C-alpha atoms as a PDB file:
ATOM      1  CA  MET A   1     -46.178 -92.831  74.027  1.00  0.00           C
ATOM      2  CA  LYS A   2     -47.836 -91.219  76.971  1.00  0.00           C
ATOM      3  CA  LEU A   3     -46.188 -89.362  80.867  1.00  0.00           C
ATOM      4  CA  LEU A   4     -49.484 -89.468  83.403  1.00  0.00           C
ATOM      5  CA  ASN A   5     -49.329 -87.719  86.405  1.00  0.00           C
ATOM      6  CA  LYS A   6     -49.533 -89.119  89.922  1.00  0.00           C
ATOM      7  CA  GLY A   7     -50.214 -87.066  92.575  1.00  0.00           C
ATOM      8  CA  LYS A   8     -52.605 -83.034  92.466  1.00  0.00           C
ATOM      9  CA  LYS A   9     -49.311 -81.613  90.653  1.00  0.00           C
ATOM     10  CA  SER A  10     -46.539 -83.511  88.127  1.00  0.00           C
ATOM     11  CA  THR A  11     -43.750 -80.844  86.757  1.00  0.00           C
ATOM     12  CA  LEU A  12     -42.959 -83.401  84.729  1.00  0.00           C
ATOM     13  CA  LYS A  13     -45.634 -82.652  81.814  1.00  0.00           C
ATOM     14  CA  GLY A  14     -43.583 -84.130  78.588  1.00  0.00           C
ATOM     15  CA  VAL A  15     -40.151 -85.080  77.022  1.00  0.00           C
ATOM     16  CA  LEU A  16     -39.567 -84.552  72.953  1.00  0.00           C
ATOM     17  CA  LEU A  17     -36.339 -87.131  72.212  1.00  0.00           C
ATOM     18  CA  LEU A  18     -34.519 -87.152  68.453  1.00  0.00           C
ATOM     19  CA  ALA A  19     -34.793 -90.367  68.739  1.00  0.00           C
ATOM     20  CA  THR A  20     -31.798 -89.868  65.763  1.00  0.00           C
ATOM     21  CA  ILE A  21     -29.003 -88.194  65.313  1.00  0.00           C
ATOM     22  CA  SER A  22     -27.361 -90.039  62.333  1.00  0.00           C
ATOM     23  CA  LEU A  23     -24.002 -88.941  61.201  1.00  0.00           C
ATOM     24  CA  GLY A  24     -24.580 -89.558  57.441  1.00  0.00           C
ATOM     25  CA  THR A  25     -21.314 -90.257  55.508  1.00  0.00           C
ATOM     26  CA  VAL A  26     -17.949 -88.803  57.767  1.00  0.00           C
ATOM     27  CA  GLY A  27     -14.693 -88.688  54.939  1.00  0.00           C
ATOM     28  CA  PHE A  28     -13.225 -86.503  51.768  1.00  0.00           C
ATOM     29  CA  SER A  29     -15.837 -84.556  49.966  1.00  0.00           C
ATOM     30  CA  ALA A  30     -15.653 -81.105  48.653  1.00  0.00           C
ATOM     31  CA  TRP A  31     -12.108 -79.900  49.914  1.00  0.00           C
ATOM     32  CA  VAL A  32      -9.434 -79.650  46.735  1.00  0.00           C
ATOM     33  CA  ILE A  33      -6.249 -80.684  48.516  1.00  0.00           C
ATOM     34  CA  ASN A  34      -3.466 -81.874  46.881  1.00  0.00           C
ATOM     35  CA  GLY A  35      -5.912 -83.895  44.328  1.00  0.00           C
ATOM     36  CA  SER A  36      -7.994 -85.626  47.398  1.00  0.00           C
ATOM     37  CA  THR A  37     -10.873 -83.638  49.253  1.00  0.00           C
ATOM     38  CA  GLU A  38     -11.567 -83.358  52.480  1.00  0.00           C
ATOM     39  CA  GLU A  39     -13.905 -83.420  55.698  1.00  0.00           C
ATOM     40  CA  ASN A  40     -18.267 -84.091  55.319  1.00  0.00           C
ATOM     41  CA  GLN A  41     -20.805 -84.605  57.704  1.00  0.00           C
ATOM     42  CA  ASN A  42     -24.049 -84.246  57.434  1.00  0.00           C
ATOM     43  CA  ILE A  43     -26.306 -85.247  60.605  1.00  0.00           C
ATOM     44  CA  THR A  44     -30.305 -85.758  60.477  1.00  0.00           C
ATOM     45  CA  PHE A  45     -33.344 -86.456  63.019  1.00  0.00           C
ATOM     46  CA  THR A  46     -36.189 -88.164  63.408  1.00  0.00           C
ATOM     47  CA  VAL A  47     -38.726 -87.017  66.472  1.00  0.00           C
ATOM     48  CA  GLY A  48     -41.378 -88.660  68.638  1.00  0.00           C
ATOM     49  CA  SER A  49     -43.344 -86.430  71.135  1.00  0.00           C
ATOM     50  CA  VAL A  50     -44.890 -87.334  74.309  1.00  0.00           C
ATOM     51  CA  THR A  51     -48.214 -86.926  75.480  1.00  0.00           C
ATOM     52  CA  GLY A  52     -48.335 -85.669  79.017  1.00  0.00           C
ATOM     53  CA  ASN A  53     -52.063 -84.411  80.461  1.00  0.00           C
ATOM     54  CA  ASN A  54     -51.736 -80.897  81.268  1.00  0.00           C
ATOM     55  CA  LEU A  55     -49.519 -79.541  78.108  1.00  0.00           C
ATOM     56  CA  ILE A  56     -48.508 -81.276  74.723  1.00  0.00           C
ATOM     57  CA  ILE A  57     -45.579 -81.161  72.088  1.00  0.00           C
ATOM     58  CA  SER A  58     -45.341 -82.465  68.263  1.00  0.00           C
ATOM     59  CA  ILE A  59     -42.332 -81.754  65.736  1.00  0.00           C
ATOM     60  CA  ASP A  60     -43.614 -81.007  62.733  1.00  0.00           C
ATOM     61  CA  ASP A  61     -41.783 -81.886  60.314  1.00  0.00           C
ATOM     62  CA  SER A  62     -41.341 -80.656  57.412  1.00  0.00           C
ATOM     63  CA  GLN A  63     -39.683 -77.413  58.756  1.00  0.00           C
ATOM     64  CA  THR A  64     -37.874 -79.425  60.521  1.00  0.00           C
ATOM     65  CA  ASP A  65     -34.288 -78.991  58.926  1.00  0.00           C
ATOM     66  CA  GLY A  66     -31.587 -81.477  60.693  1.00  0.00           C
ATOM     67  CA  THR A  67     -28.373 -81.403  57.897  1.00  0.00           C
ATOM     68  CA  VAL A  68     -24.577 -79.975  59.364  1.00  0.00           C
ATOM     69  CA  THR A  69     -22.458 -80.360  56.555  1.00  0.00           C
ATOM     70  CA  PHE A  70     -18.600 -79.075  57.541  1.00  0.00           C
ATOM     71  CA  ASP A  71     -17.407 -78.198  53.456  1.00  0.00           C
ATOM     72  CA  SER A  72     -16.303 -76.471  51.118  1.00  0.00           C
ATOM     73  CA  ASP A  73     -17.722 -72.618  50.897  1.00  0.00           C
ATOM     74  CA  GLY A  74     -16.776 -71.409  46.966  1.00  0.00           C
ATOM     75  CA  THR A  75     -14.981 -72.339  44.411  1.00  0.00           C
ATOM     76  CA  GLU A  76     -11.938 -70.141  44.990  1.00  0.00           C
ATOM     77  CA  GLY A  77     -11.011 -71.415  47.473  1.00  0.00           C
ATOM     78  CA  ASN A  78      -7.736 -69.223  48.481  1.00  0.00           C
ATOM     79  CA  GLY A  79      -4.593 -71.542  46.464  1.00  0.00           C
ATOM     80  CA  LEU A  80      -3.808 -74.398  49.211  1.00  0.00           C
ATOM     81  CA  ILE A  81      -7.512 -75.352  49.114  1.00  0.00           C
ATOM     82  CA  THR A  82     -10.154 -74.796  46.627  1.00  0.00           C
ATOM     83  CA  GLY A  83     -13.131 -76.534  46.950  1.00  0.00           C
ATOM     84  CA  ASP A  84     -16.305 -77.230  43.641  1.00  0.00           C
ATOM     85  CA  GLY A  85     -18.770 -75.534  44.959  1.00  0.00           C
ATOM     86  CA  ASP A  86     -20.629 -73.964  48.138  1.00  0.00           C
ATOM     87  CA  LYS A  87     -21.673 -76.923  50.317  1.00  0.00           C
ATOM     88  CA  GLU A  88     -21.388 -75.729  53.507  1.00  0.00           C
ATOM     89  CA  ASP A  89     -23.962 -75.708  56.230  1.00  0.00           C
ATOM     90  CA  LEU A  90     -24.039 -75.113  59.521  1.00  0.00           C
ATOM     91  CA  THR A  91     -27.608 -75.242  61.324  1.00  0.00           C
ATOM     92  CA  PHE A  92     -30.042 -76.824  61.618  1.00  0.00           C
ATOM     93  CA  LYS A  93     -33.008 -76.479  62.819  1.00  0.00           C
ATOM     94  CA  VAL A  94     -36.229 -77.856  64.863  1.00  0.00           C
ATOM     95  CA  VAL A  95     -40.043 -76.849  65.284  1.00  0.00           C
ATOM     96  CA  TYR A  96     -42.105 -77.764  67.530  1.00  0.00           C
ATOM     97  CA  THR A  97     -44.951 -76.606  69.136  1.00  0.00           C
ATOM     98  CA  VAL A  98     -46.748 -76.949  72.805  1.00  0.00           C
ATOM     99  CA  THR A  99     -49.431 -76.790  73.641  1.00  0.00           C
ATOM    100  CA  SER A 100     -50.619 -76.374  77.270  1.00  0.00           C
ATOM    101  CA  VAL A 101     -54.042 -76.069  78.811  1.00  0.00           C
ATOM    102  CA  SER A 102     -53.607 -73.223  81.327  1.00  0.00           C
ATOM    103  CA  GLY A 103     -52.034 -71.092  78.377  1.00  0.00           C
ATOM    104  CA  PHE A 104     -48.831 -68.856  78.787  1.00  0.00           C
ATOM    105  CA  SER A 105     -48.234 -66.055  81.066  1.00  0.00           C
ATOM    106  CA  ALA A 106     -44.886 -64.481  83.305  1.00  0.00           C
ATOM    107  CA  VAL A 107     -47.478 -65.483  86.245  1.00  0.00           C
ATOM    108  CA  ASN A 108     -47.827 -69.016  84.303  1.00  0.00           C
ATOM    109  CA  PRO A 109     -44.106 -70.247  82.567  1.00  0.00           C
ATOM    110  CA  VAL A 110     -43.580 -73.212  80.962  1.00  0.00           C
ATOM    111  CA  ASN A 111     -40.236 -73.668  81.580  1.00  0.00           C
ATOM    112  CA  VAL A 112     -38.777 -75.865  78.343  1.00  0.00           C
ATOM    113  CA  THR A 113     -34.954 -77.995  78.716  1.00  0.00           C
ATOM    114  CA  TYR A 114     -31.808 -79.436  76.668  1.00  0.00           C
ATOM    115  CA  THR A 115     -30.537 -82.171  77.171  1.00  0.00           C
ATOM    116  CA  TYR A 116     -27.265 -83.354  75.101  1.00  0.00           C
ATOM    117  CA  SER A 117     -26.810 -86.477  74.654  1.00  0.00           C
ATOM    118  CA  GLY A 118     -24.235 -89.609  72.714  1.00  0.00           C
ATOM    119  CA  ASP A 119     -21.988 -87.969  70.026  1.00  0.00           C
ATOM    120  CA  PHE A 120     -23.026 -84.764  71.479  1.00  0.00           C
ATOM    121  CA  GLN A 121     -20.013 -84.565  73.239  1.00  0.00           C
ATOM    122  CA  GLY A 122     -17.708 -85.269  71.242  1.00  0.00           C
ATOM    123  CA  ILE A 123     -18.787 -82.275  69.202  1.00  0.00           C
ATOM    124  CA  ARG A 124     -18.113 -80.047  72.644  1.00  0.00           C
ATOM    125  CA  GLY A 125     -14.155 -81.687  72.090  1.00  0.00           C
ATOM    126  CA  LEU A 126     -13.822 -80.832  68.930  1.00  0.00           C
ATOM    127  CA  ALA A 127     -14.484 -77.152  69.544  1.00  0.00           C
ATOM    128  CA  THR A 128     -12.767 -77.615  72.985  1.00  0.00           C
ATOM    129  CA  SER A 129     -10.031 -78.079  70.479  1.00  0.00           C
ATOM    130  CA  ASN A 130     -10.772 -75.008  68.862  1.00  0.00           C
ATOM    131  CA  TYR A 131     -11.376 -76.540  65.768  1.00  0.00           C
ATOM    132  CA  ILE A 132     -14.786 -75.758  65.401  1.00  0.00           C
ATOM    133  CA  ASN A 133     -17.737 -73.303  67.729  1.00  0.00           C
ATOM    134  CA  ALA A 134     -20.114 -75.331  68.987  1.00  0.00           C
ATOM    135  CA  ASP A 135     -21.614 -72.400  71.290  1.00  0.00           C
ATOM    136  CA  CYS A 136     -25.424 -72.445  70.271  1.00  0.00           C
ATOM    137  CA  LEU A 137     -25.265 -75.942  72.594  1.00  0.00           C
ATOM    138  CA  ASN A 138     -24.708 -72.926  75.398  1.00  0.00           C
ATOM    139  CA  VAL A 139     -29.058 -72.640  75.475  1.00  0.00           C
ATOM    140  CA  THR A 140     -30.245 -74.974  78.411  1.00  0.00           C
ATOM    141  CA  ASN A 141     -33.519 -73.801  78.672  1.00  0.00           C
ATOM    142  CA  ILE A 142     -36.056 -71.304  77.865  1.00  0.00           C
ATOM    143  CA  THR A 143     -39.397 -69.579  79.399  1.00  0.00           C
ATOM    144  CA  LEU A 144     -42.660 -69.629  77.667  1.00  0.00           C
ATOM    145  CA  ASN A 145     -44.256 -66.406  78.685  1.00  0.00           C
ATOM    146  CA  GLY A 146     -46.778 -65.448  76.497  1.00  0.00           C
ATOM    147  CA  THR A 147     -44.872 -62.242  75.484  1.00  0.00           C
ATOM    148  CA  ASP A 148     -41.437 -62.411  74.127  1.00  0.00           C
ATOM    149  CA  THR A 149     -41.095 -63.799  70.949  1.00  0.00           C
ATOM    150  CA  THR A 150     -37.498 -63.806  70.289  1.00  0.00           C
ATOM    151  CA  ILE A 151     -35.262 -66.076  73.141  1.00  0.00           C
ATOM    152  CA  ASN A 152     -32.910 -66.117  72.548  1.00  0.00           C
ATOM    153  CA  GLU A 153     -29.677 -65.976  69.980  1.00  0.00           C
ATOM    154  CA  GLY A 154     -31.747 -68.775  67.419  1.00  0.00           C
ATOM    155  CA  VAL A 155     -34.595 -69.403  68.870  1.00  0.00           C
ATOM    156  CA  SER A 156     -38.158 -67.633  68.504  1.00  0.00           C
ATOM    157  CA  VAL A 157     -41.697 -67.423  69.378  1.00  0.00           C
ATOM    158  CA  LYS A 158     -45.400 -67.860  67.973  1.00  0.00           C
ATOM    159  CA  TYR A 159     -48.661 -67.660  70.066  1.00  0.00           C
ATOM    160  CA  ASP A 160     -51.912 -67.940  69.361  1.00  0.00           C
ATOM    161  CA  GLY A 161     -54.346 -68.707  72.571  1.00  0.00           C
ATOM    162  CA  SER A 162     -52.453 -71.679  73.616  1.00  0.00           C
ATOM    163  CA  SER A 163     -50.201 -72.800  71.743  1.00  0.00           C
ATOM    164  CA  ALA A 164     -46.287 -71.671  71.130  1.00  0.00           C
ATOM    165  CA  THR A 165     -45.245 -72.846  67.894  1.00  0.00           C
ATOM    166  CA  VAL A 166     -41.331 -72.753  68.613  1.00  0.00           C
ATOM    167  CA  THR A 167     -38.109 -72.339  66.075  1.00  0.00           C
ATOM    168  CA  HIS A 168     -35.019 -73.567  67.459  1.00  0.00           C
ATOM    169  CA  GLU A 169     -31.784 -72.970  65.041  1.00  0.00           C
ATOM    170  CA  TRP A 170     -28.374 -74.392  66.051  1.00  0.00           C
ATOM    171  CA  THR A 171     -25.422 -72.329  64.202  1.00  0.00           C
ATOM    172  CA  PHE A 172     -22.232 -74.377  64.341  1.00  0.00           C
ATOM    173  CA  ALA A 173     -19.633 -71.573  62.798  1.00  0.00           C
ATOM    174  CA  TRP A 174     -15.030 -72.744  62.425  1.00  0.00           C
ATOM    175  CA  GLY A 175     -13.201 -71.814  65.464  1.00  0.00           C
ATOM    176  CA  SER A 176     -10.025 -69.661  65.661  1.00  0.00           C
ATOM    177  CA  VAL A 177      -7.571 -73.202  64.120  1.00  0.00           C
ATOM    178  CA  PHE A 178      -9.440 -71.711  61.462  1.00  0.00           C
ATOM    179  CA  LYS A 179     -10.049 -68.248  62.813  1.00  0.00           C
ATOM    180  CA  GLY A 180     -13.244 -68.189  62.268  1.00  0.00           C
ATOM    181  CA  LYS A 181     -13.571 -69.148  58.507  1.00  0.00           C
ATOM    182  CA  ASN A 182     -14.249 -71.294  56.126  1.00  0.00           C
ATOM    183  CA  PRO A 183     -10.918 -73.751  55.537  1.00  0.00           C
ATOM    184  CA  CYS A 184     -12.029 -72.649  51.664  1.00  0.00           C
ATOM    185  CA  LYS A 185     -11.774 -68.443  52.722  1.00  0.00           C
ATOM    186  CA  VAL A 186      -8.344 -68.595  55.687  1.00  0.00           C
ATOM    187  CA  ALA A 187      -5.666 -65.775  53.345  1.00  0.00           C
ATOM    188  CA  VAL A 188      -2.182 -66.323  54.188  1.00  0.00           C
ATOM    189  CA  GLY A 189      -2.636 -62.744  56.316  1.00  0.00           C
ATOM    190  CA  ASP A 190      -4.486 -64.660  59.295  1.00  0.00           C
ATOM    191  CA  GLY A 191      -0.300 -66.159  59.912  1.00  0.00           C
ATOM    192  CA  GLU A 192      -0.119 -70.298  61.520  1.00  0.00           C
ATOM    193  CA  ALA A 193      -3.957 -70.851  60.885  1.00  0.00           C
ATOM    194  CA  TYR A 194      -2.707 -70.589  56.885  1.00  0.00           C
ATOM    195  CA  THR A 195       0.121 -72.133  56.922  1.00  0.00           C
ATOM    196  CA  ASN A 196      -0.617 -74.458  59.025  1.00  0.00           C
ATOM    197  CA  LEU A 197      -3.976 -75.114  56.879  1.00  0.00           C
ATOM    198  CA  ILE A 198      -3.802 -78.816  55.380  1.00  0.00           C
ATOM    199  CA  THR A 199      -1.909 -80.083  58.584  1.00  0.00           C
ATOM    200  CA  ASN A 200      -5.624 -79.141  61.092  1.00  0.00           C
ATOM    201  CA  LEU A 201      -7.288 -79.702  57.920  1.00  0.00           C
ATOM    202  CA  LYS A 202      -6.363 -84.120  58.028  1.00  0.00           C
ATOM    203  CA  ASN A 203      -6.020 -83.300  61.442  1.00  0.00           C
ATOM    204  CA  PHE A 204      -9.889 -81.423  61.906  1.00  0.00           C
ATOM    205  CA  GLU A 205     -10.858 -84.408  60.199  1.00  0.00           C
ATOM    206  CA  THR A 206      -9.244 -87.133  62.319  1.00  0.00           C
ATOM    207  CA  ALA A 207     -10.857 -86.196  65.241  1.00  0.00           C
ATOM    208  CA  ALA A 208     -14.127 -85.401  63.853  1.00  0.00           C
ATOM    209  CA  GLU A 209     -14.068 -88.950  62.802  1.00  0.00           C
ATOM    210  CA  ALA A 210     -13.483 -90.456  66.490  1.00  0.00           C
ATOM    211  CA  ALA A 211     -15.192 -87.549  68.376  1.00  0.00           C
ATOM    212  CA  MET A 212     -18.948 -89.143  65.955  1.00  0.00           C
ATOM    213  CA  SER A 213     -17.802 -92.477  65.761  1.00  0.00           C
ATOM    214  CA  ASP A 214     -21.531 -93.314  67.783  1.00  0.00           C
ATOM    215  CA  LYS A 215     -23.098 -91.263  64.977  1.00  0.00           C
ATOM    216  CA  ASN A 216     -25.578 -91.079  67.797  1.00  0.00           C
ATOM    217  CA  PHE A 217     -26.705 -88.262  68.522  1.00  0.00           C
ATOM    218  CA  LYS A 218     -29.891 -87.094  70.801  1.00  0.00           C
ATOM    219  CA  ILE A 219     -31.955 -83.809  72.059  1.00  0.00           C
ATOM    220  CA  THR A 220     -34.659 -84.447  74.750  1.00  0.00           C
ATOM    221  CA  ILE A 221     -36.608 -81.224  75.237  1.00  0.00           C
ATOM    222  CA  THR A 222     -38.760 -81.251  78.487  1.00  0.00           C
ATOM    223  CA  PRO A 223     -41.583 -78.535  78.584  1.00  0.00           C
ATOM    224  CA  SER A 224     -42.829 -78.153  82.319  1.00  0.00           C
ATOM    225  CA  PHE A 225     -44.834 -75.771  84.683  1.00  0.00           C
END
């Protein structure tokens, strides 16, 4: 897909779409509660690229990891919950390269914006309810200035002449409902988080199914001068 510049200048130079971030299975997986098992979600995505006249953006599929799993962390458990292995994976990653015919500098930086749509709103709802922490989605823009190689937590850049390769990792965490811990790690000393653990975990599963009912996640990445 190509965007054609109209006139002498254009602010929109390219758009990178995470065309699909599909929820695999939402259901019970590796947490064992009185013989039943609990929440698992897998997120996968593919990316299409858009080329503008002055900026080119492309994805490195070989280094991109689009799976997030809210699941058990270990097998010992805490007395109320046990797991069948370390299956938790709260980070997904995108690696993309921006090529600028003008290069990268403080005088002529390239700005990159992120727009989250689809069921990301549902993910934010789970965070508002304190089941998870989704602060990683607060990153909505970065600046490529040819100098800074660490931009935000989880965002790093390697410059090579007219190209900048960005590695962006989004890492979720467990919310205060679970004392910021994997439910397998919530202990007696954690008070209500432990006392209400089974109820909270079941409520989390119900809320997650509702929040991600469309199984549609999209991030639009737009570089511009």
